[in-house]
Every structure is written in C-alpha cells, then in structure tokens.
Amino acid sequence: MARRRTETTSGARRAGARLTHVDRSGRVRMVDVGAKADTAREAVARGQITMRAATRRLIEAGRIAKGDPLQAARLAGIMAAKRTADLIPLCHPLPLSHADVTLHPSRSGYQLEARVRTTGKTGVEMEALAAVAVAALTIYDMVKAVDREMVIGEIRLMEKRGGRTGEWTRPE
C-alpha cells in the first residue's frame, strides 16, 4: 500500500535534494525516465475564476455572444492536458488514458478541477495543472467583452498517485 504524504513532510524531505531538471553545470535538461517502471498515475488540480455576479448570470442564461464558455473551457482544458509537452519545455509527452475538466459555479465565479490519468514512467501533475489554467483562460477569453475584471487564481495540485513517491494529498 502506498504511503500518503502531506505537503509538509514531502517538502522537508526534498529540501536538500538537487533539482532534477538542472545538471551539475547548471544547464536545464530533460530528465531521463527510461529506466523507470510504468505505473498507473493520476493527478488532480484545481483553480478558480472570479467574476461579477452579473457575468455569471449571463453565462448561466446562455447569453454569451461567443457561445457556451463552460463547454469550450472543458474542451480546451482536455486539449491542454494532451498537449502539455508542447507548452512546458521539459515535460515528457505522455499517452493519457483519461483527462476531464469539471466546472462548478461558486458565489464569486467558477471552481475548476482537472483529473488526468496515464500509465507511464512519469506523472501527470503538469497535465492536470495545464488543463485547469487553459480552461480558466478560455472562460476569460469568451467572456472578456462583458467583464474584463475577472481574476484567474489559486491553481494548485490537489493530489497525485503513482510512481516512486506514491500518494500525495494537499492538506486542507
């Protein structure tokens, strides 16, 4: 059974570790994961977009001229998860077995969550984070004509499973 870690214990353990994407000369490099075993991996990320209440009402009423920003955001987030290696220079391209983005209305806008899975040699944390970020940006793009004061924020990893480090969950 995998050991569950918290942010604090994981951070303390890694405080003295060297960065894996930097070689001894200080040059950035892609980590060689060739010798690692394939394992089932999953990551969940969350974020939010805040907006005026009137803006959220327009979205819910289907009155955004460009179309449904929530469905466009879900699709854009899934596409971003699939293309993360094209966006983040040192990420490995991964064959994803699942990527989903959900959006939940909140008092101040929407909460976004991405869940991504693969079986491979490296994790899908960056794919989940990219999915949330691009989904939020898509909402902003589609709604900016009526609310340029929207704020995208609190994009963070919530949990991950698989690999050498096992399970990790963000402390509440």
Protein backbone atom coordinates (compact mmCIF):
# COMPACT_ATOMS: atom_id res chain seq x y z
CA MET A 1 0.00 0.00 0.00
CA ALA A 2 1.30 3.46 -0.94
CA ARG A 3 2.19 5.83 1.85
CA ARG A 4 0.19 9.06 1.96
CA ARG A 5 2.25 12.22 2.28
CA THR A 6 1.43 15.76 3.11
CA GLU A 7 2.93 18.88 1.65
CA THR A 8 4.96 19.48 4.81
CA THR A 9 6.68 16.09 5.05
CA SER A 10 7.30 15.92 1.32
CA GLY A 11 8.75 19.44 1.29
CA ALA A 12 11.03 18.74 4.26
CA ARG A 13 12.34 15.55 2.68
CA ARG A 14 13.14 17.33 -0.57
CA ALA A 15 14.63 20.50 0.96
CA GLY A 16 18.19 19.25 0.48
CA ALA A 17 17.56 17.46 -2.82
CA ARG A 18 19.02 18.85 -6.00
CA LEU A 19 16.78 19.90 -8.86
CA THR A 20 16.27 17.06 -11.31
CA HIS A 21 15.90 19.36 -14.34
CA VAL A 22 19.31 21.00 -13.81
CA ASP A 23 22.60 19.21 -14.48
CA ARG A 24 25.82 19.67 -12.46
CA SER A 25 26.84 22.56 -14.73
CA GLY A 26 23.60 24.42 -14.10
CA ARG A 27 22.11 23.71 -17.53
CA VAL A 28 18.45 22.71 -17.80
CA ARG A 29 17.81 19.24 -19.11
CA MET A 30 15.00 16.78 -19.64
CA VAL A 31 15.11 14.05 -17.01
CA ASP A 32 15.84 10.56 -18.38
CA VAL A 33 12.96 8.36 -17.22
CA GLY A 34 13.90 5.40 -19.42
CA ALA A 35 14.86 3.11 -16.53
CA LYS A 36 11.70 3.82 -14.52
CA ALA A 37 8.88 1.28 -14.40
CA ASP A 38 5.50 2.04 -15.92
CA THR A 39 2.92 2.59 -13.18
CA ALA A 40 -0.64 3.86 -13.05
CA ARG A 41 -0.57 7.59 -12.34
CA GLU A 42 -3.24 10.18 -11.63
CA ALA A 43 -3.27 13.86 -10.71
CA VAL A 44 -5.99 16.28 -9.69
CA ALA A 45 -5.58 20.06 -9.94
CA ARG A 46 -7.94 22.90 -9.05
CA GLY A 47 -8.25 26.59 -9.71
CA GLN A 48 -10.83 29.31 -9.91
CA ILE A 49 -12.00 32.22 -11.96
CA THR A 50 -13.78 35.03 -10.18
CA MET A 51 -16.18 37.37 -11.94
CA ARG A 52 -19.05 39.72 -11.31
CA ALA A 53 -22.34 38.08 -10.36
CA ALA A 54 -23.96 39.61 -13.44
CA THR A 55 -21.36 37.90 -15.63
CA ARG A 56 -22.08 34.51 -14.09
CA ARG A 57 -25.80 35.07 -14.64
CA LEU A 58 -25.15 35.79 -18.35
CA ILE A 59 -23.18 32.54 -18.65
CA GLU A 60 -25.90 30.54 -16.89
CA ALA A 61 -28.59 32.12 -19.10
CA GLY A 62 -26.65 31.19 -22.26
CA ARG A 63 -26.29 34.84 -23.23
CA ILE A 64 -22.58 34.97 -24.12
CA ALA A 65 -22.18 36.00 -27.76
CA LYS A 66 -19.25 33.64 -28.45
CA GLY A 67 -21.21 30.59 -27.23
CA ASP A 68 -21.08 28.44 -24.11
CA PRO A 69 -17.82 29.30 -22.33
CA LEU A 70 -18.12 26.37 -19.92
CA GLN A 71 -18.25 23.72 -22.63
CA ALA A 72 -15.48 25.47 -24.56
CA ALA A 73 -13.40 25.58 -21.35
CA ARG A 74 -13.89 21.85 -20.69
CA LEU A 75 -12.74 21.01 -24.21
CA ALA A 76 -9.81 23.47 -24.10
CA GLY A 77 -8.67 22.02 -20.76
CA ILE A 78 -8.73 18.47 -22.11
CA MET A 79 -6.80 19.58 -25.19
CA ALA A 80 -4.24 21.38 -22.99
CA ALA A 81 -3.68 18.23 -20.93
CA LYS A 82 -2.99 16.31 -24.14
CA ARG A 83 -0.56 18.98 -25.40
CA THR A 84 1.27 19.91 -22.19
CA ALA A 85 4.65 18.77 -23.53
CA ASP A 86 4.21 21.35 -26.34
CA LEU A 87 3.67 24.10 -23.75
CA ILE A 88 6.16 23.26 -20.98
CA PRO A 89 9.65 22.76 -22.44
CA LEU A 90 10.94 19.92 -20.21
CA CYS A 91 7.74 17.88 -19.87
CA HIS A 92 7.67 14.43 -21.39
CA PRO A 93 4.93 13.76 -23.94
CA LEU A 94 2.54 11.28 -22.32
CA PRO A 95 -0.15 8.98 -23.69
CA LEU A 96 -3.08 9.97 -21.49
CA SER A 97 -5.74 7.39 -20.73
CA HIS A 98 -8.13 9.96 -19.22
CA ALA A 99 -8.48 13.73 -18.95
CA ASP A 100 -11.53 15.53 -17.64
CA VAL A 101 -12.31 19.07 -16.56
CA THR A 102 -15.28 19.95 -14.39
CA LEU A 103 -16.58 23.42 -13.57
CA HIS A 104 -18.67 24.22 -10.53
CA PRO A 105 -20.42 27.54 -10.01
CA SER A 106 -19.42 29.38 -6.86
CA ARG A 107 -20.63 32.58 -5.31
CA SER A 108 -17.81 34.51 -6.97
CA GLY A 109 -17.48 32.66 -10.30
CA TYR A 110 -16.41 29.09 -11.03
CA GLN A 111 -14.22 26.45 -9.43
CA LEU A 112 -12.35 24.33 -11.98
CA GLU A 113 -10.98 20.82 -11.46
CA ALA A 114 -8.96 18.61 -13.79
CA ARG A 115 -8.33 14.90 -13.32
CA VAL A 116 -5.74 13.25 -15.56
CA ARG A 117 -4.53 9.63 -15.78
CA THR A 118 -1.88 7.63 -17.59
CA THR A 119 0.19 4.51 -17.19
CA GLY A 120 3.78 5.50 -17.68
CA LYS A 121 7.20 6.42 -16.34
CA THR A 122 6.38 9.94 -15.16
CA GLY A 123 3.46 11.70 -13.52
CA VAL A 124 0.65 13.81 -14.91
CA GLU A 125 0.74 16.72 -12.46
CA MET A 126 1.70 19.24 -15.13
CA GLU A 127 -1.05 17.98 -17.43
CA ALA A 128 -3.69 18.50 -14.72
CA LEU A 129 -2.35 21.98 -13.89
CA ALA A 130 -2.23 22.96 -17.58
CA ALA A 131 -5.80 21.76 -18.06
CA VAL A 132 -7.08 24.00 -15.25
CA ALA A 133 -5.08 27.02 -16.42
CA VAL A 134 -6.19 26.77 -20.05
CA ALA A 135 -9.82 26.11 -19.09
CA ALA A 136 -9.81 29.28 -16.98
CA LEU A 137 -8.14 31.28 -19.76
CA THR A 138 -10.79 30.06 -22.20
CA ILE A 139 -13.57 31.34 -19.97
CA TYR A 140 -11.77 34.66 -19.70
CA ASP A 141 -11.38 34.88 -23.48
CA MET A 142 -15.02 34.12 -24.17
CA VAL A 143 -16.42 36.48 -21.51
CA LYS A 144 -13.94 39.38 -21.52
CA ALA A 145 -16.25 41.54 -23.62
CA VAL A 146 -18.63 41.82 -20.65
CA ASP A 147 -16.19 41.54 -17.72
CA ARG A 148 -12.52 42.47 -18.03
CA GLU A 149 -12.11 42.37 -14.24
CA MET A 150 -12.20 38.58 -13.98
CA VAL A 151 -9.36 37.04 -11.98
CA ILE A 152 -7.83 33.61 -12.51
CA GLY A 153 -6.16 32.17 -9.46
CA GLU A 154 -5.36 29.54 -6.88
CA ILE A 155 -4.26 26.99 -9.47
CA ARG A 156 -2.75 24.17 -7.46
CA LEU A 157 -2.13 20.45 -7.34
CA MET A 158 -4.59 18.74 -5.00
CA GLU A 159 -3.45 15.13 -5.19
CA LYS A 160 -1.32 12.70 -7.13
CA ARG A 161 -0.98 8.92 -7.20
CA GLY A 162 1.58 6.54 -8.60
CA GLY A 163 5.27 6.42 -9.17
CA ARG A 164 8.10 6.13 -6.69
CA THR A 165 6.63 8.67 -4.27
CA GLY A 166 3.19 7.03 -4.13
CA GLU A 167 0.24 9.09 -2.96
CA TRP A 168 0.22 12.76 -2.02
CA THR A 169 -2.76 14.88 -0.97
CA ARG A 170 -2.72 18.61 -0.27
CA PRO A 171 -3.52 19.22 3.38
CA GLU A 172 -6.82 21.05 3.87
